[in-house]
């Protein structure tokens, strides 16, 4: 009768040992399975030249409170002079975008404070108009933006923003860069596998990082990707994280 008291506990203990062995065995299987993979980072770099330039500028006039019509006439004359200047210098009409006139009142300043709305007195208006040129003729627009003196000589209060340079085929280039970066990742993985006495199998997974488009020889990057618009010549950098099987 005493022996029978240990039958159930022993059976339970045996089952627990078997279960534990199975769990441990499964753990080793997973670890072994993970050891059959190698993960590396590959990169690719390519030099590109911008093929689109964007030039944004504006002209403005300040007039008194009773001279709004006069100010509007001046803005129209400034626009005509600007368009003539652009067309005379070979800028095509299709590359020019003209934005509506913006009118902002200015208020009287009293005791160092500005008054707005119903409590303020309008003493004048500021009228301004933006214009944009977007062209594939990089050199022409670059030279023109640096030579707006003739417009200013005519009395046009012309103000340019820094030119922006873009590469229009970035989307197509991403596919090419992904392939090159993956090829580089495989070459790195093969070296590592050889040093460990293994051979490389097929690719198991790959993910592309953000693209970095920077000025030539620049080290500036961003976690969210970087797109330089200040330089004509740029370099594009791509990163790929890839996993390969080992044989």
Protein backbone atom coordinates (compact mmCIF):
# COMPACT_ATOMS: atom_id res chain seq x y z
CA UNK A 1 0.00 0.00 0.00
CA UNK A 2 2.90 2.33 0.77
CA UNK A 3 4.46 1.75 -2.68
CA UNK A 4 1.26 2.70 -4.44
CA UNK A 5 1.44 6.18 -2.86
CA UNK A 6 4.44 7.01 -5.07
CA UNK A 7 3.11 5.72 -8.37
CA UNK A 8 1.28 8.90 -9.40
CA UNK A 9 3.99 11.38 -8.29
CA UNK A 10 6.66 9.34 -10.09
CA UNK A 11 4.55 9.27 -13.23
CA UNK A 12 4.03 13.02 -13.02
CA UNK A 13 7.75 13.57 -12.50
CA UNK A 14 8.55 11.40 -15.53
CA UNK A 15 6.13 13.34 -17.72
CA UNK A 16 7.64 16.62 -16.51
CA UNK A 17 11.14 15.42 -17.37
CA UNK A 18 10.00 14.36 -20.85
CA UNK A 19 8.24 17.72 -21.37
CA UNK A 20 11.28 19.63 -20.18
CA UNK A 21 13.48 17.62 -22.50
CA UNK A 22 11.16 18.38 -25.39
CA UNK A 23 11.20 22.09 -24.56
CA UNK A 24 14.99 22.15 -24.31
CA UNK A 25 15.23 20.17 -27.51
CA UNK A 26 12.96 22.66 -29.25
CA UNK A 27 15.05 25.54 -27.94
CA UNK A 28 18.23 24.04 -29.30
CA UNK A 29 16.49 23.48 -32.61
CA UNK A 30 15.54 27.13 -32.84
CA UNK A 31 19.00 28.31 -31.91
CA UNK A 32 20.51 25.96 -34.47
CA UNK A 33 18.01 27.22 -37.01
CA UNK A 34 18.97 30.82 -36.26
CA UNK A 35 22.66 29.97 -36.57
CA UNK A 36 22.03 28.96 -40.19
CA UNK A 37 21.46 32.62 -41.09
CA UNK A 38 23.92 35.44 -41.54
CA UNK A 39 22.81 39.08 -41.57
CA UNK A 40 24.91 41.84 -43.11
CA UNK A 41 24.61 45.41 -44.33
CA UNK A 42 25.47 46.33 -47.90
CA UNK A 43 25.85 49.75 -49.46
CA UNK A 44 26.00 51.40 -52.87
CA UNK A 45 26.99 54.88 -53.95
CA UNK A 46 26.48 56.69 -57.23
CA UNK A 47 27.26 60.18 -58.52
CA UNK A 48 24.38 62.05 -60.16
CA UNK A 49 23.94 65.43 -61.81
CA UNK A 50 20.76 67.43 -61.27
CA UNK A 51 18.52 67.71 -64.31
CA UNK A 52 15.89 70.11 -62.95
CA UNK A 53 16.32 73.54 -61.37
CA UNK A 54 13.66 75.45 -59.45
CA UNK A 55 13.95 79.22 -59.09
CA UNK A 56 11.48 81.02 -56.83
CA UNK A 57 11.36 84.80 -56.50
CA UNK A 58 9.01 87.63 -55.67
CA UNK A 59 8.58 91.37 -56.11
CA UNK A 60 6.70 93.72 -53.82
CA UNK A 61 5.40 97.25 -53.32
CA UNK A 62 4.49 99.27 -50.24
CA UNK A 63 1.80 101.90 -50.68
CA UNK A 64 -0.28 104.18 -48.49
CA UNK A 65 -3.77 103.40 -47.24
CA UNK A 66 -5.38 105.38 -50.06
CA UNK A 67 -3.08 104.11 -52.80
CA UNK A 68 -4.11 100.47 -53.12
CA UNK A 69 -5.05 100.84 -56.79
CA UNK A 70 -1.76 102.53 -57.50
CA UNK A 71 0.07 99.68 -55.77
CA UNK A 72 -1.84 97.11 -57.81
CA UNK A 73 -0.91 98.93 -61.03
CA UNK A 74 2.75 98.92 -59.96
CA UNK A 75 2.64 95.19 -59.27
CA UNK A 76 1.17 94.57 -62.74
CA UNK A 77 3.96 96.61 -64.29
CA UNK A 78 6.55 94.69 -62.24
CA UNK A 79 5.09 91.41 -63.44
CA UNK A 80 5.19 92.48 -67.08
CA UNK A 81 8.79 93.62 -66.70
CA UNK A 82 9.75 90.35 -65.01
CA UNK A 83 8.10 88.18 -67.66
CA UNK A 84 9.75 90.18 -70.43
CA UNK A 85 13.13 89.82 -68.71
CA UNK A 86 12.70 86.04 -68.45
CA UNK A 87 11.49 85.54 -72.03
CA UNK A 88 14.17 87.85 -73.46
CA UNK A 89 16.72 85.59 -71.78
CA UNK A 90 15.36 82.40 -73.29
CA UNK A 91 13.07 81.13 -70.51
CA UNK A 92 10.09 79.32 -72.02
CA UNK A 93 6.59 80.36 -71.00
CA UNK A 94 5.68 76.78 -70.02
CA UNK A 95 8.44 76.86 -67.39
CA UNK A 96 7.02 79.94 -65.64
CA UNK A 97 4.36 79.88 -62.92
CA UNK A 98 2.83 83.13 -61.67
CA UNK A 99 1.04 83.14 -58.32
CA UNK A 100 -1.77 85.49 -57.20
CA UNK A 101 -0.96 88.85 -55.66
CA UNK A 102 -0.81 88.86 -51.87
CA UNK A 103 -2.05 92.01 -50.08
CA UNK A 104 -1.31 92.60 -46.39
CA UNK A 105 -2.31 95.74 -44.50
CA UNK A 106 0.18 97.60 -42.32
CA UNK A 107 -0.97 99.28 -39.11
CA UNK A 108 -0.05 102.34 -37.15
CA UNK A 109 2.43 101.79 -34.36
CA UNK A 110 1.72 103.61 -31.12
CA UNK A 111 3.70 103.48 -27.89
CA UNK A 112 5.79 100.61 -29.21
CA UNK A 113 2.76 98.42 -29.84
CA UNK A 114 1.07 97.23 -33.02
CA UNK A 115 -2.70 97.34 -33.25
CA UNK A 116 -4.56 94.83 -35.40
CA UNK A 117 -8.16 94.25 -36.47
CA UNK A 118 -10.85 96.69 -35.43
CA UNK A 119 -8.58 98.31 -32.85
CA UNK A 120 -5.85 99.25 -35.33
CA UNK A 121 -5.52 101.99 -37.91
CA UNK A 122 -4.47 100.87 -41.41
CA UNK A 123 -1.75 103.15 -42.69
CA UNK A 124 -0.81 101.26 -45.85
CA UNK A 125 -0.53 97.99 -47.72
CA UNK A 126 2.20 95.62 -48.77
CA UNK A 127 1.56 93.97 -52.14
CA UNK A 128 3.74 91.07 -53.25
CA UNK A 129 3.68 88.46 -55.99
CA UNK A 130 5.57 85.20 -56.25
CA UNK A 131 6.89 83.71 -59.45
CA UNK A 132 8.53 80.34 -60.07
CA UNK A 133 10.69 79.05 -62.89
CA UNK A 134 11.20 75.29 -63.20
CA UNK A 135 13.46 74.20 -66.03
CA UNK A 136 15.80 71.48 -67.27
CA UNK A 137 18.26 74.09 -68.52
CA UNK A 138 20.36 74.14 -65.36
CA UNK A 139 23.14 76.47 -66.50
CA UNK A 140 20.86 79.05 -68.14
CA UNK A 141 18.67 79.50 -65.06
CA UNK A 142 21.66 79.49 -62.72
CA UNK A 143 23.34 82.26 -64.70
CA UNK A 144 20.11 84.24 -64.99
CA UNK A 145 19.36 84.07 -61.26
CA UNK A 146 22.77 85.58 -60.61
CA UNK A 147 22.16 88.44 -63.02
CA UNK A 148 18.86 90.16 -62.15
CA UNK A 149 20.43 93.63 -62.11
CA UNK A 150 18.53 94.79 -65.22
CA UNK A 151 15.23 94.20 -63.40
CA UNK A 152 16.35 96.13 -60.34
CA UNK A 153 17.57 98.93 -62.60
CA UNK A 154 13.97 99.26 -63.82
CA UNK A 155 12.80 99.82 -60.25
CA UNK A 156 11.44 96.31 -59.67
CA UNK A 157 11.93 95.23 -56.04
CA UNK A 158 12.93 91.74 -57.13
CA UNK A 159 14.06 89.21 -54.51
CA UNK A 160 15.30 85.69 -55.29
CA UNK A 161 15.33 82.62 -53.07
CA UNK A 162 18.23 80.13 -53.27
CA UNK A 163 18.03 77.91 -56.33
CA UNK A 164 16.92 74.31 -55.78
CA UNK A 165 18.43 71.49 -57.84
CA UNK A 166 16.71 68.11 -58.28
CA UNK A 167 17.29 64.79 -60.02
CA UNK A 168 14.07 63.66 -61.68
CA UNK A 169 14.91 59.95 -62.00
CA UNK A 170 15.44 59.18 -58.30
CA UNK A 171 12.54 56.68 -58.24
CA UNK A 172 14.06 54.64 -61.08
CA UNK A 173 17.51 54.91 -59.54
CA UNK A 174 16.28 53.44 -56.25
CA UNK A 175 15.67 50.08 -57.95
CA UNK A 176 19.17 50.06 -59.39
CA UNK A 177 20.71 51.11 -56.08
CA UNK A 178 18.80 48.39 -54.22
CA UNK A 179 20.26 45.76 -56.55
CA UNK A 180 23.80 47.11 -56.17
CA UNK A 181 23.57 47.38 -52.39
CA UNK A 182 22.20 43.81 -52.17
CA UNK A 183 25.08 42.60 -54.35
CA UNK A 184 27.50 44.31 -51.98
CA UNK A 185 25.78 42.70 -49.00
CA UNK A 186 26.17 39.25 -50.57
CA UNK A 187 29.88 39.84 -51.21
CA UNK A 188 30.37 40.79 -47.56
CA UNK A 189 28.39 37.77 -46.37
CA UNK A 190 30.46 35.42 -48.57
CA UNK A 191 33.68 36.69 -47.00
CA UNK A 192 32.30 36.14 -43.51
CA UNK A 193 31.01 32.67 -44.40
CA UNK A 194 34.37 31.66 -45.90
CA UNK A 195 36.22 32.75 -42.79
CA UNK A 196 33.89 30.53 -40.75
CA UNK A 197 34.38 27.53 -43.07
CA UNK A 198 30.86 27.72 -44.48
CA UNK A 199 29.34 28.54 -47.83
CA UNK A 200 26.58 30.99 -48.57
CA UNK A 201 23.10 29.97 -49.65
CA UNK A 202 20.21 32.05 -50.98
CA UNK A 203 18.93 35.35 -49.69
CA UNK A 204 16.25 35.02 -47.02
CA UNK A 205 15.26 38.64 -46.42
CA UNK A 206 16.26 42.16 -47.43
CA UNK A 207 15.17 45.63 -46.40
CA UNK A 208 16.30 48.95 -47.77
CA UNK A 209 17.17 51.88 -45.54
CA UNK A 210 16.42 55.51 -46.32
CA UNK A 211 18.19 57.12 -49.27
CA UNK A 212 20.78 59.80 -48.63
CA UNK A 213 21.27 62.31 -51.46
CA UNK A 214 24.07 64.65 -50.43
CA UNK A 215 26.56 67.06 -51.98
CA UNK A 216 29.68 65.33 -53.32
CA UNK A 217 32.09 64.33 -50.53
CA UNK A 218 29.56 65.27 -47.85
CA UNK A 219 29.07 63.16 -44.72
CA UNK A 220 25.75 64.75 -43.74
CA UNK A 221 22.96 62.21 -43.25
CA UNK A 222 19.59 61.96 -41.55
CA UNK A 223 17.65 59.13 -39.91
CA UNK A 224 14.70 60.06 -42.12
CA UNK A 225 16.73 60.36 -45.31
CA UNK A 226 18.45 63.42 -46.75
CA UNK A 227 17.86 65.21 -50.04
CA UNK A 228 20.28 68.01 -50.85
CA UNK A 229 18.86 70.68 -53.17
CA UNK A 230 21.69 73.20 -52.93
CA UNK A 231 24.19 71.56 -55.30
CA UNK A 232 24.08 70.56 -58.96
CA UNK A 233 26.38 67.54 -58.55
CA UNK A 234 25.34 65.10 -55.85
CA UNK A 235 25.96 61.59 -54.63
CA UNK A 236 23.27 59.09 -53.73
CA UNK A 237 23.86 56.50 -51.03
CA UNK A 238 21.74 53.40 -50.40
CA UNK A 239 21.89 50.91 -47.55
CA UNK A 240 20.43 47.39 -47.55
CA UNK A 241 20.14 44.99 -44.62
CA UNK A 242 20.08 41.42 -45.91
CA UNK A 243 19.99 37.92 -44.43
CA UNK A 244 21.41 34.85 -46.22
CA UNK A 245 21.23 31.15 -45.41
CA UNK A 246 24.42 29.19 -44.66
CA UNK A 247 25.19 25.78 -46.12
